Full PDB file with SEQRES, HELIX, SHEET, SSBOND, CRYST1, ORIGX, SCALE, CONECT and MASTER records, all heavy atoms in Angstrom:
SEQRES   1 A   43  GLU SER GLY GLY GLY LEU VAL GLN PRO GLY GLY SER LEU          
SEQRES   2 A   43  LYS LEU SER CYS THR ALA SER ALA SER ILE ALA THR ILE          
SEQRES   3 A   43  TYR ALA ILE GLY TRP TYR ARG GLN VAL PRO GLY LYS GLU          
SEQRES   4 A   43  ARG GLU TRP VAL                                              
SHEET    1 AA1 2 TYR A  32  ARG A  33  0                                        
SHEET    2 AA1 2 GLU A  41  TRP A  42 -1                                        
CRYST1    1.000    1.000    1.000  90.00  90.00  90.00 P 1           1          
ORIGX1      1.000000  0.000000  0.000000        0.00000                         
ORIGX2      0.000000  1.000000  0.000000        0.00000                         
ORIGX3      0.000000  0.000000  1.000000        0.00000                         
SCALE1      1.000000  0.000000  0.000000        0.00000                         
SCALE2      0.000000  1.000000  0.000000        0.00000                         
SCALE3      0.000000  0.000000  1.000000        0.00000                         
ATOM      1  N   GLU A   1       4.953  -4.409   8.242  1.00  0.00           N  
ATOM      2  CA  GLU A   1       3.623  -4.468   7.665  1.00  0.00           C  
ATOM      3  C   GLU A   1       3.227  -5.914   7.372  1.00  0.00           C  
ATOM      4  O   GLU A   1       4.075  -6.738   7.028  1.00  0.00           O  
ATOM      5  CB  GLU A   1       3.581  -3.666   6.357  1.00  0.00           C  
ATOM      6  CG  GLU A   1       4.021  -2.224   6.484  1.00  0.00           C  
ATOM      7  CD  GLU A   1       5.527  -2.015   6.327  1.00  0.00           C  
ATOM      8  OE1 GLU A   1       6.279  -3.015   6.244  1.00  0.00           O  
ATOM      9  OE2 GLU A   1       5.961  -0.847   6.300  1.00  0.00           O  
ATOM     10  N   SER A   2       1.926  -6.197   7.466  1.00  0.00           N  
ATOM     11  CA  SER A   2       1.425  -7.534   7.152  1.00  0.00           C  
ATOM     12  C   SER A   2      -0.041  -7.444   6.759  1.00  0.00           C  
ATOM     13  O   SER A   2      -0.672  -6.392   6.932  1.00  0.00           O  
ATOM     14  CB  SER A   2       1.593  -8.464   8.354  1.00  0.00           C  
ATOM     15  OG  SER A   2       0.838  -7.998   9.454  1.00  0.00           O  
ATOM     16  N   GLY A   3      -0.560  -8.553   6.236  1.00  0.00           N  
ATOM     17  CA  GLY A   3      -1.984  -8.637   5.934  1.00  0.00           C  
ATOM     18  C   GLY A   3      -2.343  -8.513   4.467  1.00  0.00           C  
ATOM     19  O   GLY A   3      -3.516  -8.621   4.105  1.00  0.00           O  
ATOM     20  N   GLY A   4      -1.351  -8.290   3.626  1.00  0.00           N  
ATOM     21  CA  GLY A   4      -1.645  -8.175   2.205  1.00  0.00           C  
ATOM     22  C   GLY A   4      -2.029  -9.506   1.590  1.00  0.00           C  
ATOM     23  O   GLY A   4      -1.976 -10.549   2.236  1.00  0.00           O  
ATOM     24  N   GLY A   5      -2.416  -9.450   0.325  1.00  0.00           N  
ATOM     25  CA  GLY A   5      -2.781 -10.667  -0.381  1.00  0.00           C  
ATOM     26  C   GLY A   5      -3.472 -10.357  -1.687  1.00  0.00           C  
ATOM     27  O   GLY A   5      -3.477  -9.215  -2.148  1.00  0.00           O  
ATOM     28  N   LEU A   6      -4.051 -11.406  -2.270  1.00  0.00           N  
ATOM     29  CA  LEU A   6      -4.795 -11.284  -3.519  1.00  0.00           C  
ATOM     30  C   LEU A   6      -6.286 -11.211  -3.202  1.00  0.00           C  
ATOM     31  O   LEU A   6      -6.801 -12.065  -2.459  1.00  0.00           O  
ATOM     32  CB  LEU A   6      -4.503 -12.489  -4.414  1.00  0.00           C  
ATOM     33  CG  LEU A   6      -5.319 -12.610  -5.689  1.00  0.00           C  
ATOM     34  CD1 LEU A   6      -5.038 -11.446  -6.632  1.00  0.00           C  
ATOM     35  CD2 LEU A   6      -5.024 -13.948  -6.374  1.00  0.00           C  
ATOM     36  N   VAL A   7      -6.953 -10.237  -3.753  1.00  0.00           N  
ATOM     37  CA  VAL A   7      -8.388 -10.068  -3.505  1.00  0.00           C  
ATOM     38  C   VAL A   7      -9.062  -9.632  -4.795  1.00  0.00           C  
ATOM     39  O   VAL A   7      -8.443  -8.965  -5.637  1.00  0.00           O  
ATOM     40  CB  VAL A   7      -8.609  -9.041  -2.370  1.00  0.00           C  
ATOM     41  CG1 VAL A   7      -8.067  -7.674  -2.739  1.00  0.00           C  
ATOM     42  CG2 VAL A   7     -10.060  -8.981  -1.952  1.00  0.00           C  
ATOM     43  N   GLN A   8     -10.302 -10.019  -4.955  1.00  0.00           N  
ATOM     44  CA  GLN A   8     -11.050  -9.630  -6.142  1.00  0.00           C  
ATOM     45  C   GLN A   8     -11.525  -8.182  -6.016  1.00  0.00           C  
ATOM     46  O   GLN A   8     -11.705  -7.671  -4.904  1.00  0.00           O  
ATOM     47  CB  GLN A   8     -12.255 -10.551  -6.324  1.00  0.00           C  
ATOM     48  CG  GLN A   8     -11.881 -11.972  -6.684  1.00  0.00           C  
ATOM     49  CD  GLN A   8     -13.098 -12.806  -7.036  1.00  0.00           C  
ATOM     50  OE1 GLN A   8     -14.228 -12.464  -6.713  1.00  0.00           O  
ATOM     51  NE2 GLN A   8     -12.867 -13.914  -7.720  1.00  0.00           N  
ATOM     52  N   PRO A   9     -11.735  -7.533  -7.140  1.00  0.00           N  
ATOM     53  CA  PRO A   9     -12.300  -6.175  -7.090  1.00  0.00           C  
ATOM     54  C   PRO A   9     -13.590  -6.165  -6.276  1.00  0.00           C  
ATOM     55  O   PRO A   9     -14.429  -7.072  -6.407  1.00  0.00           O  
ATOM     56  CB  PRO A   9     -12.558  -5.860  -8.566  1.00  0.00           C  
ATOM     57  CG  PRO A   9     -11.545  -6.668  -9.302  1.00  0.00           C  
ATOM     58  CD  PRO A   9     -11.415  -7.948  -8.524  1.00  0.00           C  
ATOM     59  N   GLY A  10     -13.725  -5.143  -5.453  1.00  0.00           N  
ATOM     60  CA  GLY A  10     -14.876  -5.044  -4.579  1.00  0.00           C  
ATOM     61  C   GLY A  10     -14.674  -5.687  -3.224  1.00  0.00           C  
ATOM     62  O   GLY A  10     -15.502  -5.505  -2.316  1.00  0.00           O  
ATOM     63  N   GLY A  11     -13.595  -6.431  -3.080  1.00  0.00           N  
ATOM     64  CA  GLY A  11     -13.329  -7.112  -1.818  1.00  0.00           C  
ATOM     65  C   GLY A  11     -12.665  -6.217  -0.788  1.00  0.00           C  
ATOM     66  O   GLY A  11     -12.479  -5.021  -1.010  1.00  0.00           O  
ATOM     67  N   SER A  12     -12.309  -6.833   0.343  1.00  0.00           N  
ATOM     68  CA  SER A  12     -11.724  -6.100   1.466  1.00  0.00           C  
ATOM     69  C   SER A  12     -10.469  -6.796   1.973  1.00  0.00           C  
ATOM     70  O   SER A  12     -10.317  -8.020   1.830  1.00  0.00           O  
ATOM     71  CB  SER A  12     -12.735  -6.004   2.617  1.00  0.00           C  
ATOM     72  OG  SER A  12     -13.885  -5.295   2.240  1.00  0.00           O  
ATOM     73  N   LEU A  13      -9.593  -6.008   2.555  1.00  0.00           N  
ATOM     74  CA  LEU A  13      -8.414  -6.516   3.249  1.00  0.00           C  
ATOM     75  C   LEU A  13      -8.142  -5.602   4.427  1.00  0.00           C  
ATOM     76  O   LEU A  13      -8.450  -4.400   4.364  1.00  0.00           O  
ATOM     77  CB  LEU A  13      -7.178  -6.516   2.341  1.00  0.00           C  
ATOM     78  CG  LEU A  13      -6.925  -7.670   1.391  1.00  0.00           C  
ATOM     79  CD1 LEU A  13      -5.685  -7.398   0.562  1.00  0.00           C  
ATOM     80  CD2 LEU A  13      -6.788  -8.989   2.128  1.00  0.00           C  
ATOM     81  N   LYS A  14      -7.540  -6.164   5.469  1.00  0.00           N  
ATOM     82  CA  LYS A  14      -7.121  -5.346   6.602  1.00  0.00           C  
ATOM     83  C   LYS A  14      -5.630  -5.522   6.802  1.00  0.00           C  
ATOM     84  O   LYS A  14      -5.154  -6.632   7.068  1.00  0.00           O  
ATOM     85  CB  LYS A  14      -7.869  -5.729   7.879  1.00  0.00           C  
ATOM     86  CG  LYS A  14      -7.583  -4.796   9.049  1.00  0.00           C  
ATOM     87  CD  LYS A  14      -8.478  -5.109  10.241  1.00  0.00           C  
ATOM     88  CE  LYS A  14      -8.277  -4.122  11.377  1.00  0.00           C  
ATOM     89  NZ  LYS A  14      -9.191  -4.380  12.518  1.00  0.00           N  
ATOM     90  N   LEU A  15      -4.900  -4.445   6.666  1.00  0.00           N  
ATOM     91  CA  LEU A  15      -3.456  -4.454   6.850  1.00  0.00           C  
ATOM     92  C   LEU A  15      -3.111  -4.079   8.287  1.00  0.00           C  
ATOM     93  O   LEU A  15      -3.825  -3.293   8.918  1.00  0.00           O  
ATOM     94  CB  LEU A  15      -2.785  -3.468   5.895  1.00  0.00           C  
ATOM     95  CG  LEU A  15      -3.106  -3.620   4.412  1.00  0.00           C  
ATOM     96  CD1 LEU A  15      -2.280  -2.623   3.602  1.00  0.00           C  
ATOM     97  CD2 LEU A  15      -2.876  -5.030   3.940  1.00  0.00           C  
ATOM     98  N   SER A  16      -2.012  -4.645   8.763  1.00  0.00           N  
ATOM     99  CA  SER A  16      -1.502  -4.313  10.089  1.00  0.00           C  
ATOM    100  C   SER A  16      -0.097  -3.745   9.975  1.00  0.00           C  
ATOM    101  O   SER A  16       0.676  -4.146   9.092  1.00  0.00           O  
ATOM    102  CB  SER A  16      -1.477  -5.554  10.980  1.00  0.00           C  
ATOM    103  OG  SER A  16      -2.769  -6.066  11.185  1.00  0.00           O  
ATOM    104  N   CYS A  17       0.216  -2.876  10.871  1.00  0.00           N  
ATOM    105  CA  CYS A  17       1.531  -2.226  10.929  1.00  0.00           C  
ATOM    106  C   CYS A  17       1.970  -2.294  12.384  1.00  0.00           C  
ATOM    107  O   CYS A  17       1.436  -1.569  13.223  1.00  0.00           O  
ATOM    108  CB  CYS A  17       1.391  -0.792  10.446  1.00  0.00           C  
ATOM    109  SG  CYS A  17       2.756   0.301  10.853  1.00  0.00           S  
ATOM    110  N   THR A  18       2.905  -3.190  12.676  1.00  0.00           N  
ATOM    111  CA  THR A  18       3.330  -3.420  14.056  1.00  0.00           C  
ATOM    112  C   THR A  18       4.663  -2.748  14.297  1.00  0.00           C  
ATOM    113  O   THR A  18       5.612  -2.931  13.521  1.00  0.00           O  
ATOM    114  CB  THR A  18       3.431  -4.922  14.331  1.00  0.00           C  
ATOM    115  OG1 THR A  18       2.162  -5.527  14.057  1.00  0.00           O  
ATOM    116  CG2 THR A  18       3.790  -5.176  15.795  1.00  0.00           C  
ATOM    117  N   ALA A  19       4.734  -2.007  15.390  1.00  0.00           N  
ATOM    118  CA  ALA A  19       5.934  -1.225  15.703  1.00  0.00           C  
ATOM    119  C   ALA A  19       6.914  -2.002  16.567  1.00  0.00           C  
ATOM    120  O   ALA A  19       6.527  -2.917  17.298  1.00  0.00           O  
ATOM    121  CB  ALA A  19       5.528   0.058  16.410  1.00  0.00           C  
ATOM    122  N   SER A  20       8.181  -1.594  16.491  1.00  0.00           N  
ATOM    123  CA  SER A  20       9.241  -2.257  17.260  1.00  0.00           C  
ATOM    124  C   SER A  20       9.258  -1.804  18.717  1.00  0.00           C  
ATOM    125  O   SER A  20       9.945  -2.405  19.541  1.00  0.00           O  
ATOM    126  CB  SER A  20      10.602  -1.969  16.618  1.00  0.00           C  
ATOM    127  OG  SER A  20      10.849  -0.571  16.580  1.00  0.00           O  
ATOM    128  N   ALA A  21       8.519  -0.734  19.014  1.00  0.00           N  
ATOM    129  CA  ALA A  21       8.427  -0.218  20.375  1.00  0.00           C  
ATOM    130  C   ALA A  21       7.118   0.554  20.494  1.00  0.00           C  
ATOM    131  O   ALA A  21       6.319   0.575  19.561  1.00  0.00           O  
ATOM    132  CB  ALA A  21       9.633   0.672  20.676  1.00  0.00           C  
ATOM    133  N   SER A  22       6.935   1.176  21.618  1.00  0.00           N  
ATOM    134  CA  SER A  22       5.683   1.884  21.859  1.00  0.00           C  
ATOM    135  C   SER A  22       5.437   2.972  20.824  1.00  0.00           C  
ATOM    136  O   SER A  22       6.346   3.711  20.453  1.00  0.00           O  
ATOM    137  CB  SER A  22       5.708   2.499  23.257  1.00  0.00           C  
ATOM    138  OG  SER A  22       4.566   3.305  23.448  1.00  0.00           O  
ATOM    139  N   ILE A  23       4.182   3.055  20.383  1.00  0.00           N  
ATOM    140  CA  ILE A  23       3.792   4.119  19.455  1.00  0.00           C  
ATOM    141  C   ILE A  23       3.016   5.217  20.169  1.00  0.00           C  
ATOM    142  O   ILE A  23       2.545   6.158  19.548  1.00  0.00           O  
ATOM    143  CB  ILE A  23       2.951   3.584  18.275  1.00  0.00           C  
ATOM    144  CG1 ILE A  23       1.615   3.012  18.766  1.00  0.00           C  
ATOM    145  CG2 ILE A  23       3.730   2.550  17.479  1.00  0.00           C  
ATOM    146  CD1 ILE A  23       0.654   2.674  17.635  1.00  0.00           C  
ATOM    147  N   ALA A  24       2.900   5.094  21.468  1.00  0.00           N  
ATOM    148  CA  ALA A  24       2.068   6.032  22.221  1.00  0.00           C  
ATOM    149  C   ALA A  24       2.531   7.484  22.064  1.00  0.00           C  
ATOM    150  O   ALA A  24       1.722   8.408  22.112  1.00  0.00           O  
ATOM    151  CB  ALA A  24       2.058   5.647  23.698  1.00  0.00           C  
ATOM    152  N   THR A  25       3.837   7.674  21.895  1.00  0.00           N  
ATOM    153  CA  THR A  25       4.356   9.038  21.794  1.00  0.00           C  
ATOM    154  C   THR A  25       4.565   9.488  20.357  1.00  0.00           C  
ATOM    155  O   THR A  25       5.043  10.598  20.116  1.00  0.00           O  
ATOM    156  CB  THR A  25       5.691   9.158  22.551  1.00  0.00           C  
ATOM    157  OG1 THR A  25       6.618   8.225  22.000  1.00  0.00           O  
ATOM    158  CG2 THR A  25       5.504   8.872  24.030  1.00  0.00           C  
ATOM    159  N   ILE A  26       4.207   8.641  19.406  1.00  0.00           N  
ATOM    160  CA  ILE A  26       4.335   9.019  17.994  1.00  0.00           C  
ATOM    161  C   ILE A  26       3.065   9.745  17.583  1.00  0.00           C  
ATOM    162  O   ILE A  26       1.982   9.151  17.576  1.00  0.00           O  
ATOM    163  CB  ILE A  26       4.561   7.800  17.096  1.00  0.00           C  
ATOM    164  CG1 ILE A  26       5.838   7.065  17.503  1.00  0.00           C  
ATOM    165  CG2 ILE A  26       4.655   8.241  15.629  1.00  0.00           C  
ATOM    166  CD1 ILE A  26       6.072   5.782  16.745  1.00  0.00           C  
ATOM    167  N   TYR A  27       3.195  11.012  17.249  1.00  0.00           N  
ATOM    168  CA  TYR A  27       2.000  11.807  17.005  1.00  0.00           C  
ATOM    169  C   TYR A  27       1.198  11.296  15.811  1.00  0.00           C  
ATOM    170  O   TYR A  27      -0.021  11.145  15.874  1.00  0.00           O  
ATOM    171  CB  TYR A  27       2.353  13.275  16.805  1.00  0.00           C  
ATOM    172  CG  TYR A  27       1.124  14.094  16.486  1.00  0.00           C  
ATOM    173  CD1 TYR A  27       0.127  14.279  17.442  1.00  0.00           C  
ATOM    174  CD2 TYR A  27       0.931  14.643  15.224  1.00  0.00           C  
ATOM    175  CE1 TYR A  27      -1.026  14.984  17.146  1.00  0.00           C  
ATOM    176  CE2 TYR A  27      -0.216  15.350  14.925  1.00  0.00           C  
ATOM    177  CZ  TYR A  27      -1.192  15.524  15.891  1.00  0.00           C  
ATOM    178  OH  TYR A  27      -2.327  16.203  15.593  1.00  0.00           O  
ATOM    179  N   ALA A  28       1.878  11.018  14.714  1.00  0.00           N  
ATOM    180  CA  ALA A  28       1.150  10.617  13.511  1.00  0.00           C  
ATOM    181  C   ALA A  28       1.893   9.514  12.773  1.00  0.00           C  
ATOM    182  O   ALA A  28       3.112   9.573  12.603  1.00  0.00           O  
ATOM    183  CB  ALA A  28       0.952  11.813  12.583  1.00  0.00           C  
ATOM    184  N   ILE A  29       1.138   8.525  12.337  1.00  0.00           N  
ATOM    185  CA  ILE A  29       1.679   7.408  11.558  1.00  0.00           C  
ATOM    186  C   ILE A  29       0.919   7.339  10.248  1.00  0.00           C  
ATOM    187  O   ILE A  29      -0.309   7.406  10.236  1.00  0.00           O  
ATOM    188  CB  ILE A  29       1.556   6.095  12.344  1.00  0.00           C  
ATOM    189  CG1 ILE A  29       2.393   6.186  13.635  1.00  0.00           C  
ATOM    190  CG2 ILE A  29       2.020   4.919  11.496  1.00  0.00           C  
ATOM    191  CD1 ILE A  29       2.200   5.016  14.577  1.00  0.00           C  
ATOM    192  N   GLY A  30       1.653   7.183   9.178  1.00  0.00           N  
ATOM    193  CA  GLY A  30       1.035   7.186   7.859  1.00  0.00           C  
ATOM    194  C   GLY A  30       1.117   5.845   7.160  1.00  0.00           C  
ATOM    195  O   GLY A  30       1.999   5.033   7.446  1.00  0.00           O  
ATOM    196  N   TRP A  31       0.175   5.615   6.270  1.00  0.00           N  
ATOM    197  CA  TRP A  31       0.222   4.489   5.335  1.00  0.00           C  
ATOM    198  C   TRP A  31       0.579   5.056   3.963  1.00  0.00           C  
ATOM    199  O   TRP A  31       0.093   6.125   3.574  1.00  0.00           O  
ATOM    200  CB  TRP A  31      -1.115   3.771   5.253  1.00  0.00           C  
ATOM    201  CG  TRP A  31      -1.362   2.807   6.364  1.00  0.00           C  
ATOM    202  CD1 TRP A  31      -2.101   3.017   7.490  1.00  0.00           C  
ATOM    203  CD2 TRP A  31      -0.877   1.463   6.459  1.00  0.00           C  
ATOM    204  NE1 TRP A  31      -2.098   1.895   8.282  1.00  0.00           N  
ATOM    205  CE2 TRP A  31      -1.358   0.918   7.660  1.00  0.00           C  
ATOM    206  CE3 TRP A  31      -0.089   0.647   5.634  1.00  0.00           C  
ATOM    207  CZ2 TRP A  31      -1.085  -0.391   8.075  1.00  0.00           C  
ATOM    208  CZ3 TRP A  31       0.191  -0.645   6.046  1.00  0.00           C  
ATOM    209  CH2 TRP A  31      -0.308  -1.156   7.257  1.00  0.00           C  
ATOM    210  N   TYR A  32       1.390   4.296   3.232  1.00  0.00           N  
ATOM    211  CA  TYR A  32       1.863   4.699   1.919  1.00  0.00           C  
ATOM    212  C   TYR A  32       1.786   3.485   0.996  1.00  0.00           C  
ATOM    213  O   TYR A  32       1.686   2.364   1.463  1.00  0.00           O  
ATOM    214  CB  TYR A  32       3.317   5.184   1.997  1.00  0.00           C  
ATOM    215  CG  TYR A  32       3.538   6.293   2.989  1.00  0.00           C  
ATOM    216  CD1 TYR A  32       3.678   6.014   4.351  1.00  0.00           C  
ATOM    217  CD2 TYR A  32       3.612   7.622   2.587  1.00  0.00           C  
ATOM    218  CE1 TYR A  32       3.861   7.022   5.274  1.00  0.00           C  
ATOM    219  CE2 TYR A  32       3.805   8.643   3.511  1.00  0.00           C  
ATOM    220  CZ  TYR A  32       3.924   8.326   4.846  1.00  0.00           C  
ATOM    221  OH  TYR A  32       4.114   9.335   5.761  1.00  0.00           O  
ATOM    222  N   ARG A  33       1.853   3.727  -0.304  1.00  0.00           N  
ATOM    223  CA  ARG A  33       1.888   2.601  -1.229  1.00  0.00           C  
ATOM    224  C   ARG A  33       2.766   2.957  -2.425  1.00  0.00           C  
ATOM    225  O   ARG A  33       2.963   4.136  -2.749  1.00  0.00           O  
ATOM    226  CB  ARG A  33       0.482   2.208  -1.693  1.00  0.00           C  
ATOM    227  CG  ARG A  33      -0.260   3.267  -2.489  1.00  0.00           C  
ATOM    228  CD  ARG A  33      -1.707   2.834  -2.730  1.00  0.00           C  
ATOM    229  NE  ARG A  33      -2.460   3.835  -3.474  1.00  0.00           N  
ATOM    230  CZ  ARG A  33      -3.778   3.757  -3.687  1.00  0.00           C  
ATOM    231  NH1 ARG A  33      -4.484   2.726  -3.201  1.00  0.00           N  
ATOM    232  NH2 ARG A  33      -4.386   4.696  -4.384  1.00  0.00           N  
ATOM    233  N   GLN A  34       3.256   1.909  -3.057  1.00  0.00           N  
ATOM    234  CA  GLN A  34       4.143   2.113  -4.200  1.00  0.00           C  
ATOM    235  C   GLN A  34       3.910   1.039  -5.244  1.00  0.00           C  
ATOM    236  O   GLN A  34       3.832  -0.154  -4.918  1.00  0.00           O  
ATOM    237  CB  GLN A  34       5.609   2.103  -3.763  1.00  0.00           C  
ATOM    238  CG  GLN A  34       6.579   2.497  -4.867  1.00  0.00           C  
ATOM    239  CD  GLN A  34       7.984   2.702  -4.323  1.00  0.00           C  
ATOM    240  OE1 GLN A  34       8.366   2.146  -3.305  1.00  0.00           O  
ATOM    241  NE2 GLN A  34       8.762   3.511  -5.044  1.00  0.00           N  
ATOM    242  N   VAL A  35       3.816   1.488  -6.466  1.00  0.00           N  
ATOM    243  CA  VAL A  35       3.706   0.613  -7.625  1.00  0.00           C  
ATOM    244  C   VAL A  35       5.057   0.615  -8.323  1.00  0.00           C  
ATOM    245  O   VAL A  35       5.699   1.671  -8.412  1.00  0.00           O  
ATOM    246  CB  VAL A  35       2.600   1.115  -8.572  1.00  0.00           C  
ATOM    247  CG1 VAL A  35       2.574   0.293  -9.847  1.00  0.00           C  
ATOM    248  CG2 VAL A  35       1.249   1.093  -7.883  1.00  0.00           C  
ATOM    249  N   PRO A  36       5.525  -0.530  -8.825  1.00  0.00           N  
ATOM    250  CA  PRO A  36       6.829  -0.554  -9.507  1.00  0.00           C  
ATOM    251  C   PRO A  36       6.921   0.518 -10.581  1.00  0.00           C  
ATOM    252  O   PRO A  36       5.992   0.694 -11.383  1.00  0.00           O  
ATOM    253  CB  PRO A  36       6.881  -1.953 -10.107  1.00  0.00           C  
ATOM    254  CG  PRO A  36       6.047  -2.774  -9.191  1.00  0.00           C  
ATOM    255  CD  PRO A  36       4.935  -1.872  -8.747  1.00  0.00           C  
ATOM    256  N   GLY A  37       8.016   1.247 -10.568  1.00  0.00           N  
ATOM    257  CA  GLY A  37       8.230   2.276 -11.568  1.00  0.00           C  
ATOM    258  C   GLY A  37       7.641   3.628 -11.216  1.00  0.00           C  
ATOM    259  O   GLY A  37       7.825   4.590 -11.973  1.00  0.00           O  
ATOM    260  N   LYS A  38       6.946   3.697 -10.089  1.00  0.00           N  
ATOM    261  CA  LYS A  38       6.348   4.967  -9.663  1.00  0.00           C  
ATOM    262  C   LYS A  38       6.840   5.339  -8.273  1.00  0.00           C  
ATOM    263  O   LYS A  38       7.311   4.491  -7.518  1.00  0.00           O  
ATOM    264  CB  LYS A  38       4.825   4.878  -9.667  1.00  0.00           C  
ATOM    265  CG  LYS A  38       4.228   4.702 -11.055  1.00  0.00           C  
ATOM    266  CD  LYS A  38       2.714   4.836 -11.001  1.00  0.00           C  
ATOM    267  CE  LYS A  38       2.101   4.756 -12.379  1.00  0.00           C  
ATOM    268  NZ  LYS A  38       0.622   4.927 -12.355  1.00  0.00           N  
ATOM    269  N   GLU A  39       6.692   6.607  -7.943  1.00  0.00           N  
ATOM    270  CA  GLU A  39       7.092   7.049  -6.616  1.00  0.00           C  
ATOM    271  C   GLU A  39       6.103   6.549  -5.564  1.00  0.00           C  
ATOM    272  O   GLU A  39       4.918   6.343  -5.847  1.00  0.00           O  
ATOM    273  CB  GLU A  39       7.165   8.578  -6.582  1.00  0.00           C  
ATOM    274  CG  GLU A  39       8.318   9.147  -7.384  1.00  0.00           C  
ATOM    275  CD  GLU A  39       8.551  10.611  -7.084  1.00  0.00           C  
ATOM    276  OE1 GLU A  39       7.816  11.179  -6.265  1.00  0.00           O  
ATOM    277  OE2 GLU A  39       9.469  11.186  -7.685  1.00  0.00           O  
ATOM    278  N   ARG A  40       6.640   6.386  -4.353  1.00  0.00           N  
ATOM    279  CA  ARG A  40       5.765   6.008  -3.241  1.00  0.00           C  
ATOM    280  C   ARG A  40       4.797   7.165  -2.987  1.00  0.00           C  
ATOM    281  O   ARG A  40       5.188   8.334  -3.017  1.00  0.00           O  
ATOM    282  CB  ARG A  40       6.622   5.730  -2.013  1.00  0.00           C  
ATOM    283  CG  ARG A  40       5.874   5.171  -0.828  1.00  0.00           C  
ATOM    284  CD  ARG A  40       6.829   4.881   0.324  1.00  0.00           C  
ATOM    285  NE  ARG A  40       7.599   3.665   0.073  1.00  0.00           N  
ATOM    286  CZ  ARG A  40       8.935   3.642   0.038  1.00  0.00           C  
ATOM    287  NH1 ARG A  40       9.634   4.752   0.200  1.00  0.00           N  
ATOM    288  NH2 ARG A  40       9.569   2.508  -0.172  1.00  0.00           N  
ATOM    289  N   GLU A  41       3.529   6.839  -2.723  1.00  0.00           N  
ATOM    290  CA  GLU A  41       2.535   7.865  -2.479  1.00  0.00           C  
ATOM    291  C   GLU A  41       1.878   7.670  -1.113  1.00  0.00           C  
ATOM    292  O   GLU A  41       1.726   6.548  -0.633  1.00  0.00           O  
ATOM    293  CB  GLU A  41       1.462   7.877  -3.574  1.00  0.00           C  
ATOM    294  CG  GLU A  41       0.586   6.662  -3.631  1.00  0.00           C  
ATOM    295  CD  GLU A  41      -0.573   6.802  -4.618  1.00  0.00           C  
ATOM    296  OE1 GLU A  41      -0.693   7.858  -5.272  1.00  0.00           O  
ATOM    297  OE2 GLU A  41      -1.366   5.850  -4.730  1.00  0.00           O  
ATOM    298  N   TRP A  42       1.487   8.767  -0.532  1.00  0.00           N  
ATOM    299  CA  TRP A  42       0.799   8.740   0.748  1.00  0.00           C  
ATOM    300  C   TRP A  42      -0.643   8.297   0.553  1.00  0.00           C  
ATOM    301  O   TRP A  42      -1.299   8.670  -0.432  1.00  0.00           O  
ATOM    302  CB  TRP A  42       0.839  10.138   1.365  1.00  0.00           C  
ATOM    303  CG  TRP A  42      -0.082  10.307   2.513  1.00  0.00           C  
ATOM    304  CD1 TRP A  42       0.061   9.802   3.773  1.00  0.00           C  
ATOM    305  CD2 TRP A  42      -1.313  11.025   2.512  1.00  0.00           C  
ATOM    306  NE1 TRP A  42      -1.010  10.168   4.547  1.00  0.00           N  
ATOM    307  CE2 TRP A  42      -1.862  10.925   3.800  1.00  0.00           C  
ATOM    308  CE3 TRP A  42      -2.010  11.749   1.538  1.00  0.00           C  
ATOM    309  CZ2 TRP A  42      -3.069  11.512   4.143  1.00  0.00           C  
ATOM    310  CZ3 TRP A  42      -3.218  12.343   1.878  1.00  0.00           C  
ATOM    311  CH2 TRP A  42      -3.732  12.222   3.171  1.00  0.00           C  
ATOM    312  N   VAL A  43      -1.168   7.499   1.500  1.00  0.00           N  
ATOM    313  CA  VAL A  43      -2.526   6.974   1.407  1.00  0.00           C  
ATOM    314  C   VAL A  43      -3.400   7.493   2.538  1.00  0.00           C  
ATOM    315  O   VAL A  43      -4.525   7.935   2.310  1.00  0.00           O  
ATOM    316  CB  VAL A  43      -2.508   5.434   1.430  1.00  0.00           C  
ATOM    317  CG1 VAL A  43      -3.922   4.871   1.487  1.00  0.00           C  
ATOM    318  CG2 VAL A  43      -1.761   4.886   0.222  1.00  0.00           C  
TER     319      VAL A  43                                                      
MASTER        0    0    0    0    2    0    0    6  318    1    0    4          
END                                                                             
């Protein structure tokens, strides 16, 4: 994953997720996030 950073409320960011091989045969890819002390959640 890449593209994160510091942004002000109301702003925008575009994250990238680059695979180690072809993703053409991967049916579904998910984004998730985690805050310290909490479980990872699906986005």
